[in-house]
Amino acid sequence: MLIEAENLVHGAHLQADVTIAGAGAAEIVMAIELERAGLAINLVESGGPRYSPRVQALADTEHLDPKVHPPMSECTRRQVGGTSVIWGGRVVPFDPIDFDDRPYLPNSRWPLGYEAFEPYFAKACGYLQAGLPGFDIHTFPGVKQTSIVPGLPDGDMVTSTVERWSVMNFGTVYANQLKRSQRSIWEQAGDGFHQIGTTRLSEHAADGVVGPNGNVHGFNDLFIASSTTFVTASQANSMFMILALSLRIADNLANSSPTSAAATAGAGKQE
């Protein structure tokens, strides 16, 4: 169900096993996955289903150089569906080489490898309605050609990769699932194009903000599913990998204790 914060009694408490801040693509996917696992979810979003200049202004920055970065209103959306409302739709994963160590670049070591994200590609493609999770023609049965461009096989340059596309607003596509939810969906809690790195993944707290499992260092109940945790950039835009990351975190939460035990027993809920 959807609850307008303006209609809540002052001091009201909404109980849940997990509270998710934001209702963009990653957060909606995580909410759906965790509810399917039997957990009670609060999904808190500052905007409504439609664009609001007043709410969007909360995402503005004071020190933005227009020569190197477009306005935040063109990069993010504070509404249900988040940036999926305006994104271009390119669905591609990072390359394995993106996770390699870069000794020449300080604090660029990923605590996770490509293999940590790959198991979630199929489910991410499903949520994106982007077809099969194949990104190389070699993975498709029956395809005999060795490259996209005839006569130009893989070598120093890879020519066999495939891109998928999905132009969809998660807030619209999954609206009915959110409305049918038996758990609390809390809406309107008023208050480059791909921002990455401000809450970087790291093995140790001294080198970043978030650990390999997505939890903030020093906290076992605070997680971040966002491209802000990405250590380095890629040729790929970040949407697909954000969904893979959120599915990985949701999977860990759904199968971990005590959250899963609380959901099963119907006890131990947190406000």
C-alpha atoms as a PDB file:
ATOM      1  CA  MET A   1       0.000   0.000   0.000  1.00  0.00           C
ATOM      2  CA  LEU A   2       1.037   3.603  -0.483  1.00  0.00           C
ATOM      3  CA  ILE A   3       0.983   5.995   2.468  1.00  0.00           C
ATOM      4  CA  GLU A   4       1.283   9.756   2.132  1.00  0.00           C
ATOM      5  CA  ALA A   5       3.522  11.070   4.903  1.00  0.00           C
ATOM      6  CA  GLU A   6       1.299  14.151   5.149  1.00  0.00           C
ATOM      7  CA  ASN A   7      -1.534  11.862   6.289  1.00  0.00           C
ATOM      8  CA  LEU A   8       0.482  10.263   9.078  1.00  0.00           C
ATOM      9  CA  VAL A   9      -0.163  11.244  12.675  1.00  0.00           C
ATOM     10  CA  HIS A  10       2.757  13.150  14.169  1.00  0.00           C
ATOM     11  CA  GLY A  11       5.045  10.702  15.938  1.00  0.00           C
ATOM     12  CA  ALA A  12       3.637   7.676  14.084  1.00  0.00           C
ATOM     13  CA  HIS A  13       5.847   4.585  13.954  1.00  0.00           C
ATOM     14  CA  LEU A  14       5.927   2.289  10.924  1.00  0.00           C
ATOM     15  CA  GLN A  15       7.384  -1.087  11.839  1.00  0.00           C
ATOM     16  CA  ALA A  16       9.413  -3.135   9.372  1.00  0.00           C
ATOM     17  CA  ASP A  17      12.201  -5.664   9.131  1.00  0.00           C
ATOM     18  CA  VAL A  18      13.965  -3.491   6.552  1.00  0.00           C
ATOM     19  CA  THR A  19      13.586   0.198   5.716  1.00  0.00           C
ATOM     20  CA  ILE A  20      14.787   1.271   2.268  1.00  0.00           C
ATOM     21  CA  ALA A  21      15.514   4.937   1.562  1.00  0.00           C
ATOM     22  CA  GLY A  22      14.614   5.897  -1.985  1.00  0.00           C
ATOM     23  CA  ALA A  23      12.321   4.343  -4.589  1.00  0.00           C
ATOM     24  CA  GLY A  24      14.499   4.200  -7.667  1.00  0.00           C
ATOM     25  CA  ALA A  25      15.103   1.092  -9.734  1.00  0.00           C
ATOM     26  CA  ALA A  26      17.526  -0.513  -7.258  1.00  0.00           C
ATOM     27  CA  GLU A  27      15.324   0.184  -4.247  1.00  0.00           C
ATOM     28  CA  ILE A  28      12.107  -1.033  -5.910  1.00  0.00           C
ATOM     29  CA  VAL A  29      13.822  -4.262  -6.973  1.00  0.00           C
ATOM     30  CA  MET A  30      15.222  -4.780  -3.486  1.00  0.00           C
ATOM     31  CA  ALA A  31      11.830  -4.126  -1.874  1.00  0.00           C
ATOM     32  CA  ILE A  32      10.103  -6.647  -4.143  1.00  0.00           C
ATOM     33  CA  GLU A  33      12.790  -9.282  -3.566  1.00  0.00           C
ATOM     34  CA  LEU A  34      12.790  -8.897   0.209  1.00  0.00           C
ATOM     35  CA  GLU A  35       9.023  -8.941   0.458  1.00  0.00           C
ATOM     36  CA  ARG A  36       8.956 -12.156  -1.575  1.00  0.00           C
ATOM     37  CA  ALA A  37      11.339 -13.553   1.032  1.00  0.00           C
ATOM     38  CA  GLY A  38       8.747 -12.779   3.713  1.00  0.00           C
ATOM     39  CA  LEU A  39      10.180  -9.577   5.188  1.00  0.00           C
ATOM     40  CA  ALA A  40       8.172  -6.466   6.030  1.00  0.00           C
ATOM     41  CA  ILE A  41       9.465  -3.455   4.108  1.00  0.00           C
ATOM     42  CA  ASN A  42       9.213   0.323   4.449  1.00  0.00           C
ATOM     43  CA  LEU A  43      10.093   1.987   1.146  1.00  0.00           C
ATOM     44  CA  VAL A  44      10.649   5.692   1.803  1.00  0.00           C
ATOM     45  CA  GLU A  45      10.703   8.131  -1.127  1.00  0.00           C
ATOM     46  CA  SER A  46      10.979  11.928  -1.039  1.00  0.00           C
ATOM     47  CA  GLY A  47       8.952  12.363  -4.243  1.00  0.00           C
ATOM     48  CA  GLY A  48       5.637  11.142  -5.570  1.00  0.00           C
ATOM     49  CA  PRO A  49       4.757   9.281  -8.774  1.00  0.00           C
ATOM     50  CA  ARG A  50       5.035  12.492 -10.804  1.00  0.00           C
ATOM     51  CA  TYR A  51       7.762  15.075 -11.238  1.00  0.00           C
ATOM     52  CA  SER A  52       7.734  17.938  -8.739  1.00  0.00           C
ATOM     53  CA  PRO A  53      10.073  20.931  -9.255  1.00  0.00           C
ATOM     54  CA  ARG A  54       9.941  21.631  -5.517  1.00  0.00           C
ATOM     55  CA  VAL A  55      11.036  18.123  -4.559  1.00  0.00           C
ATOM     56  CA  GLN A  56      13.540  17.884  -7.415  1.00  0.00           C
ATOM     57  CA  ALA A  57      15.221  21.048  -6.156  1.00  0.00           C
ATOM     58  CA  LEU A  58      16.353  19.068  -3.104  1.00  0.00           C
ATOM     59  CA  ALA A  59      18.838  17.294  -5.394  1.00  0.00           C
ATOM     60  CA  ASP A  60      20.466  20.521  -6.595  1.00  0.00           C
ATOM     61  CA  THR A  61      24.127  21.146  -5.825  1.00  0.00           C
ATOM     62  CA  GLU A  62      25.740  24.424  -4.880  1.00  0.00           C
ATOM     63  CA  HIS A  63      29.122  23.947  -6.512  1.00  0.00           C
ATOM     64  CA  LEU A  64      28.376  22.433  -9.919  1.00  0.00           C
ATOM     65  CA  ASP A  65      30.589  23.394 -12.827  1.00  0.00           C
ATOM     66  CA  PRO A  66      28.312  23.360 -15.899  1.00  0.00           C
ATOM     67  CA  LYS A  67      31.382  22.968 -18.114  1.00  0.00           C
ATOM     68  CA  VAL A  68      32.072  19.473 -16.798  1.00  0.00           C
ATOM     69  CA  HIS A  69      28.724  18.295 -15.428  1.00  0.00           C
ATOM     70  CA  PRO A  70      25.110  18.758 -16.574  1.00  0.00           C
ATOM     71  CA  PRO A  71      22.428  19.966 -14.143  1.00  0.00           C
ATOM     72  CA  MET A  72      21.398  17.448 -11.513  1.00  0.00           C
ATOM     73  CA  SER A  73      17.820  17.631 -12.801  1.00  0.00           C
ATOM     74  CA  GLU A  74      19.110  15.931 -15.965  1.00  0.00           C
ATOM     75  CA  CYS A  75      21.012  13.259 -14.033  1.00  0.00           C
ATOM     76  CA  THR A  76      18.672  12.271 -11.201  1.00  0.00           C
ATOM     77  CA  ARG A  77      14.984  12.245 -10.410  1.00  0.00           C
ATOM     78  CA  ARG A  78      13.529  12.515  -6.911  1.00  0.00           C
ATOM     79  CA  GLN A  79      10.310  10.623  -7.575  1.00  0.00           C
ATOM     80  CA  VAL A  80       9.024   7.051  -7.568  1.00  0.00           C
ATOM     81  CA  GLY A  81      11.067   5.281 -10.233  1.00  0.00           C
ATOM     82  CA  GLY A  82      14.097   7.479  -9.665  1.00  0.00           C
ATOM     83  CA  THR A  83      16.475   8.008 -12.545  1.00  0.00           C
ATOM     84  CA  SER A  84      14.813   5.202 -14.534  1.00  0.00           C
ATOM     85  CA  VAL A  85      12.235   7.876 -15.433  1.00  0.00           C
ATOM     86  CA  ILE A  86      14.790   9.657 -17.631  1.00  0.00           C
ATOM     87  CA  TRP A  87      17.641   7.212 -18.309  1.00  0.00           C
ATOM     88  CA  GLY A  88      18.715   6.278 -21.833  1.00  0.00           C
ATOM     89  CA  GLY A  89      18.105   2.543 -21.488  1.00  0.00           C
ATOM     90  CA  ARG A  90      21.519   1.017 -22.268  1.00  0.00           C
ATOM     91  CA  VAL A  91      21.804  -2.366 -20.512  1.00  0.00           C
ATOM     92  CA  VAL A  92      25.384  -3.626 -20.337  1.00  0.00           C
ATOM     93  CA  PRO A  93      27.537  -4.988 -17.516  1.00  0.00           C
ATOM     94  CA  PHE A  94      30.949  -3.765 -16.526  1.00  0.00           C
ATOM     95  CA  ASP A  95      33.795  -5.691 -18.161  1.00  0.00           C
ATOM     96  CA  PRO A  96      35.878  -8.123 -16.066  1.00  0.00           C
ATOM     97  CA  ILE A  97      38.903  -5.884 -16.644  1.00  0.00           C
ATOM     98  CA  ASP A  98      37.089  -3.049 -14.829  1.00  0.00           C
ATOM     99  CA  PHE A  99      37.649  -4.942 -11.568  1.00  0.00           C
ATOM    100  CA  ASP A 100      41.394  -5.457 -12.078  1.00  0.00           C
ATOM    101  CA  ASP A 101      43.842  -3.812  -9.702  1.00  0.00           C
ATOM    102  CA  ARG A 102      45.215  -0.466 -10.859  1.00  0.00           C
ATOM    103  CA  PRO A 103      48.407   0.216  -8.888  1.00  0.00           C
ATOM    104  CA  TYR A 104      48.790   3.599 -10.573  1.00  0.00           C
ATOM    105  CA  LEU A 105      45.403   4.756  -9.234  1.00  0.00           C
ATOM    106  CA  PRO A 106      45.147   5.214  -5.439  1.00  0.00           C
ATOM    107  CA  ASN A 107      42.200   3.574  -3.627  1.00  0.00           C
ATOM    108  CA  SER A 108      41.013   1.824  -6.791  1.00  0.00           C
ATOM    109  CA  ARG A 109      40.983  -1.769  -5.542  1.00  0.00           C
ATOM    110  CA  TRP A 110      37.588  -3.470  -5.739  1.00  0.00           C
ATOM    111  CA  PRO A 111      36.829  -5.820  -2.817  1.00  0.00           C
ATOM    112  CA  LEU A 112      34.559  -7.750  -5.216  1.00  0.00           C
ATOM    113  CA  GLY A 113      35.205  -9.222  -8.637  1.00  0.00           C
ATOM    114  CA  TYR A 114      33.089  -9.639 -11.765  1.00  0.00           C
ATOM    115  CA  GLU A 115      32.075 -13.089 -10.536  1.00  0.00           C
ATOM    116  CA  ALA A 116      30.287 -11.565  -7.515  1.00  0.00           C
ATOM    117  CA  PHE A 117      27.860  -9.703  -9.791  1.00  0.00           C
ATOM    118  CA  GLU A 118      27.442 -12.178 -12.657  1.00  0.00           C
ATOM    119  CA  PRO A 119      25.006 -14.570 -10.863  1.00  0.00           C
ATOM    120  CA  TYR A 120      22.482 -11.715 -10.700  1.00  0.00           C
ATOM    121  CA  PHE A 121      22.626 -10.711 -14.373  1.00  0.00           C
ATOM    122  CA  ALA A 122      19.699 -12.927 -15.401  1.00  0.00           C
ATOM    123  CA  LYS A 123      17.370 -11.568 -12.726  1.00  0.00           C
ATOM    124  CA  ALA A 124      18.485  -7.989 -13.453  1.00  0.00           C
ATOM    125  CA  CYS A 125      17.653  -8.488 -17.142  1.00  0.00           C
ATOM    126  CA  GLY A 126      14.268  -9.820 -16.070  1.00  0.00           C
ATOM    127  CA  TYR A 127      13.439  -6.718 -14.051  1.00  0.00           C
ATOM    128  CA  LEU A 128      14.649  -4.547 -16.917  1.00  0.00           C
ATOM    129  CA  GLN A 129      12.638  -6.599 -19.429  1.00  0.00           C
ATOM    130  CA  ALA A 130      15.826  -6.738 -21.481  1.00  0.00           C
ATOM    131  CA  GLY A 131      15.730 -10.351 -22.633  1.00  0.00           C
ATOM    132  CA  LEU A 132      18.336 -13.026 -22.002  1.00  0.00           C
ATOM    133  CA  PRO A 133      21.472 -12.126 -20.015  1.00  0.00           C
ATOM    134  CA  GLY A 134      23.758 -12.598 -22.999  1.00  0.00           C
ATOM    135  CA  PHE A 135      26.234  -9.877 -23.849  1.00  0.00           C
ATOM    136  CA  ASP A 136      28.487 -11.700 -26.315  1.00  0.00           C
ATOM    137  CA  ILE A 137      27.453 -13.482 -29.520  1.00  0.00           C
ATOM    138  CA  HIS A 138      29.544 -16.484 -28.433  1.00  0.00           C
ATOM    139  CA  THR A 139      26.991 -17.146 -25.694  1.00  0.00           C
ATOM    140  CA  PHE A 140      24.058 -17.547 -28.086  1.00  0.00           C
ATOM    141  CA  PRO A 141      23.418 -21.076 -29.377  1.00  0.00           C
ATOM    142  CA  GLY A 142      23.248 -21.435 -33.134  1.00  0.00           C
ATOM    143  CA  VAL A 143      25.198 -18.266 -33.888  1.00  0.00           C
ATOM    144  CA  LYS A 144      28.090 -19.224 -36.160  1.00  0.00           C
ATOM    145  CA  GLN A 145      29.690 -15.856 -36.811  1.00  0.00           C
ATOM    146  CA  THR A 146      32.617 -14.922 -34.588  1.00  0.00           C
ATOM    147  CA  SER A 147      32.137 -11.172 -34.589  1.00  0.00           C
ATOM    148  CA  ILE A 148      29.456  -8.563 -35.048  1.00  0.00           C
ATOM    149  CA  VAL A 149      31.335  -7.148 -38.022  1.00  0.00           C
ATOM    150  CA  PRO A 150      32.140  -9.892 -40.585  1.00  0.00           C
ATOM    151  CA  GLY A 151      35.874 -10.276 -41.077  1.00  0.00           C
ATOM    152  CA  LEU A 152      36.758  -8.411 -37.885  1.00  0.00           C
ATOM    153  CA  PRO A 153      37.189 -11.071 -35.156  1.00  0.00           C
ATOM    154  CA  ASP A 154      38.112 -10.443 -31.540  1.00  0.00           C
ATOM    155  CA  GLY A 155      41.702  -9.404 -31.051  1.00  0.00           C
ATOM    156  CA  ASP A 156      43.168  -6.317 -29.450  1.00  0.00           C
ATOM    157  CA  MET A 157      39.664  -4.953 -29.901  1.00  0.00           C
ATOM    158  CA  VAL A 158      36.635  -7.033 -28.883  1.00  0.00           C
ATOM    159  CA  THR A 159      34.009  -7.029 -31.633  1.00  0.00           C
ATOM    160  CA  SER A 160      31.654  -9.765 -30.413  1.00  0.00           C
ATOM    161  CA  THR A 161      29.865  -7.923 -27.603  1.00  0.00           C
ATOM    162  CA  VAL A 162      26.114  -7.288 -27.591  1.00  0.00           C
ATOM    163  CA  GLU A 163      24.254  -4.394 -25.995  1.00  0.00           C
ATOM    164  CA  ARG A 164      20.676  -4.604 -24.735  1.00  0.00           C
ATOM    165  CA  TRP A 165      18.253  -1.753 -24.273  1.00  0.00           C
ATOM    166  CA  SER A 166      15.338  -1.161 -21.937  1.00  0.00           C
ATOM    167  CA  VAL A 167      13.545   2.153 -21.763  1.00  0.00           C
ATOM    168  CA  MET A 168      11.202   1.786 -18.807  1.00  0.00           C
ATOM    169  CA  ASN A 169      10.047   3.692 -15.737  1.00  0.00           C
ATOM    170  CA  PHE A 170      10.293   1.355 -12.747  1.00  0.00           C
ATOM    171  CA  GLY A 171       7.809   3.488 -10.847  1.00  0.00           C
ATOM    172  CA  THR A 172       5.167   2.844 -13.532  1.00  0.00           C
ATOM    173  CA  VAL A 173       5.997  -0.753 -14.471  1.00  0.00           C
ATOM    174  CA  TYR A 174       6.072  -1.984 -10.868  1.00  0.00           C
ATOM    175  CA  ALA A 175       3.447   0.397  -9.431  1.00  0.00           C
ATOM    176  CA  ASN A 176       0.794  -2.296  -9.100  1.00  0.00           C
ATOM    177  CA  GLN A 177       3.160  -4.593  -7.209  1.00  0.00           C
ATOM    178  CA  LEU A 178       3.917  -1.826  -4.757  1.00  0.00           C
ATOM    179  CA  LYS A 179       0.241  -0.990  -4.322  1.00  0.00           C
ATOM    180  CA  ARG A 180      -0.695  -4.657  -3.806  1.00  0.00           C
ATOM    181  CA  SER A 181       2.000  -5.059  -1.197  1.00  0.00           C
ATOM    182  CA  GLN A 182       0.776  -6.110   2.222  1.00  0.00           C
ATOM    183  CA  ARG A 183       3.727  -4.309   3.736  1.00  0.00           C
ATOM    184  CA  SER A 184       4.176  -0.594   4.245  1.00  0.00           C
ATOM    185  CA  ILE A 185       5.248   1.468   1.246  1.00  0.00           C
ATOM    186  CA  TRP A 186       5.835   4.975   2.583  1.00  0.00           C
ATOM    187  CA  GLU A 187       5.625   7.673  -0.039  1.00  0.00           C
ATOM    188  CA  GLN A 188       6.232  11.407   0.121  1.00  0.00           C
ATOM    189  CA  ALA A 189       8.597  11.699   3.059  1.00  0.00           C
ATOM    190  CA  GLY A 190       9.220  15.270   2.047  1.00  0.00           C
ATOM    191  CA  ASP A 191      12.333  16.566   2.690  1.00  0.00           C
ATOM    192  CA  GLY A 192      28.624  13.233 -15.627  1.00  0.00           C
ATOM    193  CA  PHE A 193      25.146  11.665 -15.587  1.00  0.00           C
ATOM    194  CA  HIS A 194      26.428   8.731 -13.461  1.00  0.00           C
ATOM    195  CA  GLN A 195      27.642   9.737 -10.024  1.00  0.00           C
ATOM    196  CA  ILE A 196      29.954   7.108  -8.525  1.00  0.00           C
ATOM    197  CA  GLY A 197      32.464   6.674  -5.754  1.00  0.00           C
ATOM    198  CA  THR A 198      31.290   8.800  -2.840  1.00  0.00           C
ATOM    199  CA  THR A 199      30.555   5.754  -0.621  1.00  0.00           C
ATOM    200  CA  ARG A 200      33.222   3.489  -2.093  1.00  0.00           C
ATOM    201  CA  LEU A 201      33.367  -0.283  -1.572  1.00  0.00           C
ATOM    202  CA  SER A 202      36.467  -1.414   0.296  1.00  0.00           C
ATOM    203  CA  GLU A 203      37.872  -4.237   2.388  1.00  0.00           C
ATOM    204  CA  HIS A 204      38.738  -1.891   5.235  1.00  0.00           C
ATOM    205  CA  ALA A 205      37.031   1.164   6.731  1.00  0.00           C
ATOM    206  CA  ALA A 206      40.142   3.276   6.239  1.00  0.00           C
ATOM    207  CA  ASP A 207      39.838   2.872   2.468  1.00  0.00           C
ATOM    208  CA  GLY A 208      36.113   3.349   1.893  1.00  0.00           C
ATOM    209  CA  VAL A 209      32.611   3.469   3.324  1.00  0.00           C
ATOM    210  CA  VAL A 210      30.978   0.164   2.390  1.00  0.00           C
ATOM    211  CA  GLY A 211      32.228  -3.387   2.893  1.00  0.00           C
ATOM    212  CA  PRO A 212      32.108  -6.257   0.356  1.00  0.00           C
ATOM    213  CA  ASN A 213      28.605  -7.292   1.453  1.00  0.00           C
ATOM    214  CA  GLY A 214      27.189  -3.798   0.965  1.00  0.00           C
ATOM    215  CA  ASN A 215      26.983  -2.850   4.636  1.00  0.00           C
ATOM    216  CA  VAL A 216      28.511   0.375   5.904  1.00  0.00           C
ATOM    217  CA  HIS A 217      31.715  -0.394   7.780  1.00  0.00           C
ATOM    218  CA  GLY A 218      30.966  -0.786  11.468  1.00  0.00           C
ATOM    219  CA  PHE A 219      27.232  -1.379  10.935  1.00  0.00           C
ATOM    220  CA  ASN A 220      25.515  -4.703  10.341  1.00  0.00           C
ATOM    221  CA  ASP A 221      22.106  -3.186   9.612  1.00  0.00           C
ATOM    222  CA  LEU A 222      22.917  -0.306   7.252  1.00  0.00           C
ATOM    223  CA  PHE A 223      23.429  -1.076   3.563  1.00  0.00           C
ATOM    224  CA  ILE A 224      23.974   1.014   0.431  1.00  0.00           C
ATOM    225  CA  ALA A 225      22.833  -0.224  -3.005  1.00  0.00           C
ATOM    226  CA  SER A 226      24.000   2.502  -5.345  1.00  0.00           C
ATOM    227  CA  SER A 227      26.607   3.377  -7.947  1.00  0.00           C
ATOM    228  CA  THR A 228      28.106   5.603  -5.250  1.00  0.00           C
ATOM    229  CA  THR A 229      29.736   2.411  -3.934  1.00  0.00           C
ATOM    230  CA  PHE A 230      31.518   1.694  -7.236  1.00  0.00           C
ATOM    231  CA  VAL A 231      35.269   1.989  -6.923  1.00  0.00           C
ATOM    232  CA  THR A 232      36.051   2.855 -10.553  1.00  0.00           C
ATOM    233  CA  ALA A 233      34.093   3.714 -13.680  1.00  0.00           C
ATOM    234  CA  SER A 234      33.560   1.651 -16.818  1.00  0.00           C
ATOM    235  CA  GLN A 235      32.625   2.079 -20.459  1.00  0.00           C
ATOM    236  CA  ALA A 236      29.207   0.824 -19.341  1.00  0.00           C
ATOM    237  CA  ASN A 237      26.601   3.036 -17.748  1.00  0.00           C
ATOM    238  CA  SER A 238      25.811   2.041 -14.205  1.00  0.00           C
ATOM    239  CA  MET A 239      22.107   1.017 -14.165  1.00  0.00           C
ATOM    240  CA  PHE A 240      22.586  -2.696 -14.897  1.00  0.00           C
ATOM    241  CA  MET A 241      25.338  -3.126 -12.323  1.00  0.00           C
ATOM    242  CA  ILE A 242      23.313  -1.183  -9.735  1.00  0.00           C
ATOM    243  CA  LEU A 243      20.499  -3.710 -10.126  1.00  0.00           C
ATOM    244  CA  ALA A 244      22.942  -6.618  -9.865  1.00  0.00           C
ATOM    245  CA  LEU A 245      24.362  -5.057  -6.704  1.00  0.00           C
ATOM    246  CA  SER A 246      20.911  -4.507  -5.163  1.00  0.00           C
ATOM    247  CA  LEU A 247      19.890  -8.097  -5.972  1.00  0.00           C
ATOM    248  CA  ARG A 248      23.086  -9.358  -4.335  1.00  0.00           C
ATOM    249  CA  ILE A 249      22.404  -7.347  -1.177  1.00  0.00           C
ATOM    250  CA  ALA A 250      18.749  -8.435  -1.113  1.00  0.00           C
ATOM    251  CA  ASP A 251      19.838 -12.055  -1.517  1.00  0.00           C
ATOM    252  CA  ASN A 252      22.262 -11.751   1.397  1.00  0.00           C
ATOM    253  CA  LEU A 253      19.668 -10.031   3.591  1.00  0.00           C
ATOM    254  CA  ALA A 254      16.953 -12.566   2.788  1.00  0.00           C
ATOM    255  CA  ASN A 255      19.225 -15.472   3.644  1.00  0.00           C
ATOM    256  CA  SER A 256      20.952 -14.009   6.658  1.00  0.00           C
ATOM    257  CA  SER A 257      20.158 -14.142  10.335  1.00  0.00           C
ATOM    258  CA  PRO A 258      18.518 -12.589  12.293  1.00  0.00           C
ATOM    259  CA  THR A 259      16.432 -10.884   9.582  1.00  0.00           C
ATOM    260  CA  SER A 260      15.280 -14.057   7.896  1.00  0.00           C
ATOM    261  CA  ALA A 261      14.574 -15.640  11.262  1.00  0.00           C
ATOM    262  CA  ALA A 262      12.529 -12.618  12.298  1.00  0.00           C
ATOM    263  CA  ALA A 263      10.530 -12.780   9.068  1.00  0.00           C
ATOM    264  CA  THR A 264       9.887 -16.493   9.501  1.00  0.00           C
ATOM    265  CA  ALA A 265       8.901 -16.259  13.152  1.00  0.00           C
ATOM    266  CA  GLY A 266       7.029 -12.983  12.752  1.00  0.00           C
ATOM    267  CA  ALA A 267       9.036 -11.455  15.573  1.00  0.00           C
ATOM    268  CA  GLY A 268      11.988  -9.209  16.211  1.00  0.00           C
ATOM    269  CA  LYS A 269      10.798  -6.363  13.993  1.00  0.00           C
ATOM    270  CA  GLN A 270      12.571  -3.034  14.128  1.00  0.00           C
ATOM    271  CA  GLU A 271      11.068   0.421  13.889  1.00  0.00           C
END
